[in-house]
Amino acid sequence: MRVIEQLVHHFWARGALTREQALFLVGHGFAREEDLPG
């Protein structure tokens, strides 16, 4: 797993990213939507 993916998962799990922000990162290939819980 790339470091940026780990950071996205870390911040998502702690509620520091909004859904829109997470979808932006997913859309640009920084993470996969199926890897983000919830």
N, C-alpha and C. Protein backbone atom coordinates (compact mmCIF):
# COMPACT_ATOMS: atom_id res chain seq x y z
N MET A 1 0.85 -1.18 0.00
CA MET A 1 0.00 0.00 0.00
C MET A 1 0.90 1.24 0.00
N ARG A 2 0.54 2.18 -0.83
CA ARG A 2 1.32 3.42 -0.90
C ARG A 2 1.05 4.29 0.33
N VAL A 3 2.00 5.13 0.63
CA VAL A 3 1.88 6.00 1.80
C VAL A 3 0.65 6.89 1.71
N ILE A 4 0.38 7.43 0.53
CA ILE A 4 -0.79 8.32 0.38
C ILE A 4 -2.08 7.56 0.66
N GLU A 5 -2.15 6.29 0.24
CA GLU A 5 -3.33 5.48 0.54
C GLU A 5 -3.48 5.29 2.04
N GLN A 6 -2.38 5.06 2.72
CA GLN A 6 -2.42 4.90 4.17
C GLN A 6 -2.91 6.17 4.85
N LEU A 7 -2.46 7.31 4.36
CA LEU A 7 -2.91 8.58 4.94
C LEU A 7 -4.40 8.81 4.69
N VAL A 8 -4.86 8.51 3.49
CA VAL A 8 -6.29 8.66 3.19
C VAL A 8 -7.10 7.77 4.13
N HIS A 9 -6.68 6.53 4.31
CA HIS A 9 -7.40 5.60 5.19
C HIS A 9 -7.36 6.11 6.63
N HIS A 10 -6.21 6.60 7.06
CA HIS A 10 -6.04 7.11 8.42
C HIS A 10 -7.02 8.26 8.69
N PHE A 11 -7.02 9.25 7.80
CA PHE A 11 -7.87 10.42 8.01
C PHE A 11 -9.35 10.09 7.83
N TRP A 12 -9.67 9.18 6.91
CA TRP A 12 -11.06 8.77 6.71
C TRP A 12 -11.59 8.07 7.95
N ALA A 13 -10.80 7.16 8.51
CA ALA A 13 -11.22 6.39 9.67
C ALA A 13 -11.46 7.29 10.89
N ARG A 14 -10.78 8.42 10.95
CA ARG A 14 -10.92 9.32 12.08
C ARG A 14 -11.91 10.45 11.84
N GLY A 15 -12.57 10.41 10.69
CA GLY A 15 -13.58 11.41 10.38
C GLY A 15 -13.02 12.77 9.98
N ALA A 16 -11.75 12.80 9.60
CA ALA A 16 -11.12 14.07 9.24
C ALA A 16 -11.35 14.45 7.78
N LEU A 17 -11.91 13.53 6.99
CA LEU A 17 -12.23 13.81 5.59
C LEU A 17 -13.74 13.76 5.40
N THR A 18 -14.27 14.69 4.64
CA THR A 18 -15.68 14.60 4.28
C THR A 18 -15.82 13.59 3.14
N ARG A 19 -17.04 13.17 2.89
CA ARG A 19 -17.27 12.24 1.78
C ARG A 19 -16.82 12.85 0.46
N GLU A 20 -17.08 14.13 0.28
CA GLU A 20 -16.69 14.80 -0.96
C GLU A 20 -15.17 14.81 -1.13
N GLN A 21 -14.46 15.07 -0.04
CA GLN A 21 -13.00 15.07 -0.10
C GLN A 21 -12.47 13.68 -0.42
N ALA A 22 -13.06 12.67 0.22
CA ALA A 22 -12.63 11.29 -0.03
C ALA A 22 -12.91 10.90 -1.48
N LEU A 23 -14.06 11.27 -2.01
CA LEU A 23 -14.38 10.95 -3.40
C LEU A 23 -13.45 11.67 -4.37
N PHE A 24 -13.03 12.88 -4.03
CA PHE A 24 -12.06 13.59 -4.85
C PHE A 24 -10.75 12.81 -4.91
N LEU A 25 -10.28 12.33 -3.75
CA LEU A 25 -9.03 11.57 -3.70
C LEU A 25 -9.17 10.24 -4.43
N VAL A 26 -10.33 9.60 -4.30
CA VAL A 26 -10.59 8.35 -5.02
C VAL A 26 -10.60 8.62 -6.52
N GLY A 27 -11.26 9.68 -6.92
CA GLY A 27 -11.36 10.03 -8.34
C GLY A 27 -10.02 10.31 -8.99
N HIS A 28 -9.06 10.74 -8.20
CA HIS A 28 -7.74 11.04 -8.73
C HIS A 28 -6.74 9.90 -8.49
N GLY A 29 -7.25 8.75 -8.05
CA GLY A 29 -6.42 7.56 -7.95
C GLY A 29 -5.57 7.43 -6.70
N PHE A 30 -5.87 8.22 -5.67
CA PHE A 30 -5.07 8.14 -4.45
C PHE A 30 -5.52 7.02 -3.52
N ALA A 31 -6.73 6.53 -3.72
CA ALA A 31 -7.27 5.43 -2.92
C ALA A 31 -8.41 4.80 -3.71
N ARG A 32 -8.83 3.63 -3.27
CA ARG A 32 -9.97 2.96 -3.91
C ARG A 32 -11.18 3.10 -2.99
N GLU A 33 -12.33 3.38 -3.60
CA GLU A 33 -13.54 3.58 -2.80
C GLU A 33 -13.89 2.34 -1.97
N GLU A 34 -13.69 1.16 -2.54
CA GLU A 34 -14.03 -0.06 -1.80
C GLU A 34 -13.12 -0.29 -0.60
N ASP A 35 -12.00 0.41 -0.52
CA ASP A 35 -11.10 0.28 0.62
C ASP A 35 -11.46 1.21 1.78
N LEU A 36 -12.37 2.14 1.53
CA LEU A 36 -12.77 3.07 2.58
C LEU A 36 -14.03 2.55 3.26
N PRO A 37 -13.93 2.24 4.54
CA PRO A 37 -15.11 1.71 5.24
C PRO A 37 -16.19 2.77 5.38
N GLY A 38 -17.43 2.30 5.34
CA GLY A 38 -18.55 3.20 5.58
C GLY A 38 -19.07 3.88 4.42
